[in-house]
Structures are given as C-alpha cells and as structure tokens.
Amino acid sequence: MDVSLRQQSILQLLEAQGAVRVAELCERFGVSEMTVRRDLSELEQAGLVRRTHGGAVSARGRSFEPPYLVRETTNRHQKERIGRLAASLVQDGDSVALDVGTTTLEVARALRDKNNLTVITHSLHIAYALSSHPLIRLIVVGGVLRAGELSLVGHLAERAYREFHVDKLFLGVGGLSIEAGLTEFNLEDALVKQAMLQSAKERIVVADASKLERTAFARVGSLSSVNTLVTSTEADPNILKRIEEAGVRVLTA
C-alpha cells in the first residue's frame, strides 16, 4: 500500500473510531513503527490529526467535511444495507427527494427496481446513477456547483425544492444528536436541506452509526423535524432508544 492510500485509511479509521494507536496501525498495515509515526506527523502537519502518546486523534473541527472520496469508502457495507432498507419504504408511483451524500446514493441505487417514480435531487452523482432508468422521471434542480461534491447549492436549489411537495424525502446529515438535532458541515448544504424538509410529507434520515451523537457545524433542524431514521445495526442501542423516545421511528439494517 502506498503512502497516500495508507494515510487515507488512517483518516477513515479516525472517522469510525475517533482515535488510533501506533501499534494497531503497524499491525493493520504491516509496516514499521517509524513509518506509522511519519504518516501521523504528515497528517498532523496537514491539520488533520492531533498526535497523542502512542497514537493520534482527529483534529477536524465541526466545519471540516471529509472529502467525498474518503466518505465513499467509509462504512460502505453499512451504507449499502441502509440504502436497500430505505428504498424498500418507497412505493411505485411515489415522488421522492434525494439529498446529496454517499448514503443517499446507495438509496438511489436501490431504487432501480421501482417503477413510475418521480425523483428530485441536487446531486449529480445520484442523477447519473438514475439517468438510464426508463421508468423514473428525474428532476435535477439548478444551483451553484460544489465541485468536490458534485452537488448544486444556493438560492436556485432552495427555491426549486420549495416549489415541490414530495411523498418522501431521504436526507443525509453530517451529524444527528438528541440535543443538537440534525447538523451539517457546510452552511450552504444545510440551507438546501432546510428547504427539502419543508417540501416533504414523510421525512427520512439515512445515516450510518458513525453519524449518531455527532454534531457538525451548521444546524439543519430539530430531531422532531423528521419521522424516521434508517441506520445500521452497529449503532449503540442506548442511543437508538433515546432517539425513539424523542418520537422518531428507528429502522436498522
């Protein structure tokens, strides 16, 4: 494994675990302690980790959004399971709004056996995934392109969603917690999500276990603004119980 792939893997571990140990990384990658310490030093210089005695923790602030390519490979199997379960909630003939994100992309991929859907999205990744489906009417909203995300944001995107009334919304989040509610890394993304919430009859959050009890930079809405959370079986049962007690239906895949 080359240096860049190994360092990307270290960042993915930090996303999932919050902290890593030098000994753990040596065993995982089959490299020397000196190599791991060099990797951690370079990541620290880039402002991505903070060194600790014997390891490192994430140095990312609440407004730091992990790159799309990193998120795409993080907890992939969880996201695939979540996507299939979430898609099973969709009936033929539904109108559906799909938010940007790697988990909502898995929902889109799992919709391919549905018929006569109208799908609205501001994600070019999702638009491409559904573009060849003959029985899905696809609406891509306008806006300003976020190049790294291939998503459309800004006033045009917000206004477009306010013009529609969809049966189901599948929303991705940077974090979800009892106290802070739904949060996102990027303010422009958060504003589009707020407009999406106002346009939907049924509002469903799709989020893997790593997103729970995490708070990102910009507020999207309270926990009570959604009806259902679809998450993975790896989630802490105590956290899921608290979310259910807050009035949100929880489904695990």
Protein backbone atom coordinates (compact mmCIF):
# COMPACT_ATOMS: atom_id res chain seq x y z
CA MET A 1 0.00 0.00 0.00
CA ASP A 2 1.43 3.37 -0.98
CA VAL A 3 1.70 6.33 1.38
CA SER A 4 -1.41 8.21 0.19
CA LEU A 5 -3.67 5.14 0.42
CA ARG A 6 -2.31 4.27 3.86
CA GLN A 7 -2.86 7.81 5.13
CA GLN A 8 -6.38 7.83 3.67
CA SER A 9 -7.05 4.57 5.52
CA ILE A 10 -5.80 6.13 8.75
CA LEU A 11 -8.25 9.02 8.30
CA GLN A 12 -11.07 6.55 7.66
CA LEU A 13 -10.22 4.70 10.88
CA LEU A 14 -10.28 8.00 12.76
CA GLU A 15 -13.71 8.76 11.29
CA ALA A 16 -15.01 5.40 12.52
CA GLN A 17 -13.18 5.15 15.86
CA GLY A 18 -12.20 8.69 16.87
CA ALA A 19 -8.67 7.59 17.82
CA VAL A 20 -5.93 5.23 16.62
CA ARG A 21 -2.89 3.62 18.23
CA VAL A 22 0.53 3.28 16.62
CA ALA A 23 0.72 -0.43 17.46
CA GLU A 24 -2.71 -1.03 15.91
CA LEU A 25 -1.68 0.72 12.68
CA CYS A 26 1.61 -1.21 12.46
CA GLU A 27 -0.26 -4.50 12.69
CA ARG A 28 -3.01 -3.45 10.29
CA PHE A 29 -0.70 -2.20 7.53
CA GLY A 30 2.30 -4.45 8.13
CA VAL A 31 4.73 -1.51 8.39
CA SER A 32 7.25 -0.32 10.95
CA GLU A 33 6.55 1.98 13.87
CA MET A 34 8.78 4.59 12.23
CA THR A 35 6.63 4.52 9.07
CA VAL A 36 3.41 4.96 11.05
CA ARG A 37 4.86 7.81 13.09
CA ARG A 38 5.95 9.51 9.86
CA ASP A 39 2.42 9.16 8.47
CA LEU A 40 0.91 10.64 11.61
CA SER A 41 3.39 13.52 11.57
CA GLU A 42 2.47 14.38 7.97
CA LEU A 43 -1.24 14.22 8.76
CA GLU A 44 -0.67 16.42 11.81
CA GLN A 45 1.19 18.98 9.69
CA ALA A 46 -1.81 19.00 7.33
CA GLY A 47 -4.06 19.76 10.31
CA LEU A 48 -5.99 16.51 10.04
CA VAL A 49 -4.87 14.72 13.23
CA ARG A 50 -3.50 15.57 16.64
CA ARG A 51 -0.73 13.35 17.97
CA THR A 52 -1.18 11.75 21.38
CA HIS A 53 1.04 9.47 23.44
CA GLY A 54 1.14 6.25 21.44
CA GLY A 55 -1.31 7.31 18.76
CA ALA A 56 -3.48 10.11 17.38
CA VAL A 57 -6.97 11.59 17.47
CA SER A 58 -8.85 13.53 14.84
CA ALA A 59 -8.11 17.26 14.70
CA ARG A 60 -11.01 18.05 12.43
CA GLY A 61 -13.31 20.81 13.55
CA ARG A 62 -17.07 20.74 13.22
CA SER A 63 -16.93 22.55 9.88
CA PHE A 64 -14.43 20.13 8.34
CA GLU A 65 -16.14 17.96 5.76
CA PRO A 66 -14.22 14.78 4.88
CA PRO A 67 -13.58 14.58 1.11
CA TYR A 68 -16.22 12.74 -0.92
CA LEU A 69 -13.76 10.03 -1.97
CA VAL A 70 -12.94 9.33 1.69
CA ARG A 71 -16.62 9.22 2.69
CA GLU A 72 -17.46 6.99 -0.26
CA THR A 73 -15.30 4.16 1.09
CA THR A 74 -16.03 4.70 4.80
CA ASN A 75 -18.60 2.26 6.28
CA ARG A 76 -19.57 1.24 2.75
CA HIS A 77 -21.28 -2.02 3.73
CA GLN A 78 -23.36 -0.21 6.35
CA LYS A 79 -24.43 2.34 3.74
CA GLU A 80 -25.38 -0.34 1.23
CA ARG A 81 -27.61 -2.07 3.80
CA ILE A 82 -29.16 1.24 4.82
CA GLY A 83 -29.79 2.12 1.18
CA ARG A 84 -31.63 -1.14 0.49
CA LEU A 85 -33.81 -0.84 3.60
CA ALA A 86 -34.60 2.81 2.94
CA ALA A 87 -35.53 2.07 -0.69
CA SER A 88 -37.97 -0.59 0.50
CA LEU A 89 -40.05 2.23 2.02
CA VAL A 90 -40.71 3.63 -1.48
CA GLN A 91 -43.81 2.53 -3.37
CA ASP A 92 -44.26 2.53 -7.14
CA GLY A 93 -45.64 5.92 -8.16
CA ASP A 94 -44.09 7.87 -5.28
CA SER A 95 -42.43 11.23 -5.64
CA VAL A 96 -39.07 11.22 -3.87
CA ALA A 97 -36.48 13.87 -2.96
CA LEU A 98 -32.92 12.56 -2.61
CA ASP A 99 -30.35 14.60 -0.75
CA VAL A 100 -26.64 14.62 -1.59
CA GLY A 101 -24.30 12.14 0.08
CA THR A 102 -22.80 8.70 -0.12
CA THR A 103 -25.64 7.04 1.83
CA THR A 104 -28.40 8.66 -0.22
CA LEU A 105 -26.52 7.49 -3.33
CA GLU A 106 -26.99 3.92 -2.07
CA VAL A 107 -30.72 4.64 -1.68
CA ALA A 108 -30.78 5.79 -5.31
CA ARG A 109 -29.00 2.65 -6.50
CA ALA A 110 -31.54 0.51 -4.64
CA LEU A 111 -34.47 2.27 -6.36
CA ARG A 112 -33.70 0.70 -9.72
CA ASP A 113 -36.40 -1.96 -9.33
CA LYS A 114 -39.10 0.67 -8.69
CA ASN A 115 -41.46 1.97 -11.37
CA ASN A 116 -43.15 5.25 -12.17
CA LEU A 117 -41.20 7.28 -9.65
CA THR A 118 -40.52 10.99 -9.79
CA VAL A 119 -37.12 11.69 -8.23
CA ILE A 120 -35.86 15.18 -7.43
CA THR A 121 -32.22 15.70 -6.50
CA HIS A 122 -29.40 18.25 -6.44
CA SER A 123 -26.73 15.54 -6.54
CA LEU A 124 -25.07 14.89 -9.90
CA HIS A 125 -23.82 11.53 -8.56
CA ILE A 126 -27.43 10.47 -7.97
CA ALA A 127 -28.62 11.94 -11.26
CA TYR A 128 -26.04 9.87 -13.12
CA ALA A 129 -26.95 6.71 -11.18
CA LEU A 130 -30.62 7.06 -12.17
CA SER A 131 -30.19 8.58 -15.62
CA SER A 132 -30.64 5.34 -17.54
CA HIS A 133 -33.76 4.15 -15.69
CA PRO A 134 -36.62 4.31 -18.22
CA LEU A 135 -39.44 4.40 -15.64
CA ILE A 136 -38.08 7.10 -13.33
CA ARG A 137 -38.82 10.73 -14.12
CA LEU A 138 -35.69 12.56 -12.95
CA ILE A 139 -35.66 16.24 -11.99
CA VAL A 140 -32.30 17.86 -11.29
CA VAL A 141 -32.58 21.23 -9.56
CA GLY A 142 -30.37 24.16 -10.53
CA GLY A 143 -27.80 25.92 -8.42
CA VAL A 144 -24.13 26.61 -7.89
CA LEU A 145 -21.91 23.55 -8.33
CA ARG A 146 -19.83 22.33 -5.38
CA ALA A 147 -17.13 20.73 -7.48
CA GLY A 148 -15.75 18.24 -4.96
CA GLU A 149 -19.23 17.04 -4.04
CA LEU A 150 -20.85 17.33 -7.48
CA SER A 151 -23.85 18.89 -5.74
CA LEU A 152 -25.86 22.02 -6.51
CA VAL A 153 -26.47 24.57 -3.77
CA GLY A 154 -27.58 28.16 -3.34
CA HIS A 155 -30.77 30.14 -3.87
CA LEU A 156 -31.84 28.31 -7.04
CA ALA A 157 -31.66 24.91 -5.33
CA GLU A 158 -33.50 26.13 -2.24
CA ARG A 159 -36.25 27.80 -4.32
CA ALA A 160 -36.69 24.71 -6.50
CA TYR A 161 -37.39 22.45 -3.54
CA ARG A 162 -39.92 24.91 -2.14
CA GLU A 163 -41.89 24.56 -5.41
CA PHE A 164 -42.42 20.81 -4.92
CA HIS A 165 -44.42 18.66 -2.50
CA VAL A 166 -42.95 15.15 -2.44
CA ASP A 167 -44.16 11.97 -0.78
CA LYS A 168 -40.80 11.02 0.74
CA LEU A 169 -37.53 12.76 1.46
CA PHE A 170 -34.30 10.85 2.10
CA LEU A 171 -31.96 13.19 3.93
CA GLY A 172 -28.26 12.77 4.68
CA VAL A 173 -26.63 14.53 7.62
CA GLY A 174 -23.18 15.30 8.94
CA GLY A 175 -24.38 14.53 12.45
CA LEU A 176 -27.50 13.64 14.43
CA SER A 177 -27.92 14.05 18.17
CA ILE A 178 -30.71 14.42 20.71
CA GLU A 179 -29.54 17.85 21.82
CA ALA A 180 -28.30 19.44 18.57
CA GLY A 181 -30.70 17.70 16.20
CA LEU A 182 -29.67 17.42 12.55
CA THR A 183 -26.44 19.18 11.58
CA GLU A 184 -24.24 19.52 8.51
CA PHE A 185 -20.63 20.53 7.81
CA ASN A 186 -21.40 23.11 5.13
CA LEU A 187 -23.78 26.05 5.63
CA GLU A 188 -24.97 26.11 2.00
CA ASP A 189 -25.81 22.40 2.19
CA ALA A 190 -27.70 22.98 5.44
CA LEU A 191 -29.86 25.69 3.85
CA VAL A 192 -30.84 23.39 0.97
CA LYS A 193 -31.69 20.62 3.44
CA GLN A 194 -33.95 23.01 5.36
CA ALA A 195 -35.87 23.71 2.16
CA MET A 196 -36.12 19.97 1.48
CA LEU A 197 -37.61 19.32 4.90
CA GLN A 198 -40.37 21.82 4.19
CA SER A 199 -41.28 20.11 0.91
CA ALA A 200 -41.84 16.53 2.11
CA LYS A 201 -44.79 14.64 3.57
CA GLU A 202 -42.57 11.91 5.05
CA ARG A 203 -39.03 12.86 6.13
CA ILE A 204 -36.47 10.05 6.47
CA VAL A 205 -32.86 10.43 7.61
CA VAL A 206 -30.36 7.85 6.37
CA ALA A 207 -27.19 7.75 8.46
CA ASP A 208 -24.68 5.08 9.44
CA ALA A 209 -23.73 4.50 13.07
CA SER A 210 -20.78 6.92 12.98
CA LYS A 211 -23.14 9.90 12.46
CA LEU A 212 -25.11 9.35 15.67
CA GLU A 213 -24.40 11.62 18.64
CA ARG A 214 -22.13 13.70 16.40
CA THR A 215 -22.59 17.45 15.92
CA ALA A 216 -21.39 19.23 12.80
CA PHE A 217 -21.14 22.98 12.14
CA ALA A 218 -24.49 24.14 10.72
CA ARG A 219 -27.95 23.35 12.08
CA VAL A 220 -30.44 21.76 9.71
CA GLY A 221 -33.35 21.18 12.08
CA SER A 222 -34.53 19.57 15.27
CA LEU A 223 -34.87 15.83 15.66
CA SER A 224 -38.64 16.29 15.70
CA SER A 225 -38.50 17.59 12.11
CA VAL A 226 -38.05 14.00 10.82
CA ASN A 227 -40.28 10.95 11.00
CA THR A 228 -37.87 8.07 10.54
CA LEU A 229 -34.18 7.25 10.98
CA VAL A 230 -32.72 4.40 8.94
CA THR A 231 -29.35 3.41 10.37
CA SER A 232 -27.12 0.36 10.77
CA THR A 233 -27.18 -2.42 13.36
CA GLU A 234 -23.75 -1.25 14.53
CA ALA A 235 -25.39 1.75 16.22
CA ASP A 236 -25.40 1.94 20.03
CA PRO A 237 -28.78 0.55 21.26
CA ASN A 238 -28.90 3.14 24.04
CA ILE A 239 -28.62 5.98 21.53
CA LEU A 240 -31.32 4.42 19.35
CA LYS A 241 -33.62 4.07 22.36
CA ARG A 242 -33.24 7.77 23.16
CA ILE A 243 -33.99 8.69 19.55
CA GLU A 244 -37.14 6.56 19.63
CA GLU A 245 -38.17 8.18 22.90
CA ALA A 246 -37.88 11.53 21.12
CA GLY A 247 -40.64 10.35 18.77
CA VAL A 248 -38.61 9.20 15.77
CA ARG A 249 -39.20 5.74 14.28
CA VAL A 250 -35.89 3.85 14.04
CA LEU A 251 -35.18 1.14 11.47
CA THR A 252 -31.86 -0.74 11.46
CA ALA A 253 -30.21 -2.62 8.61
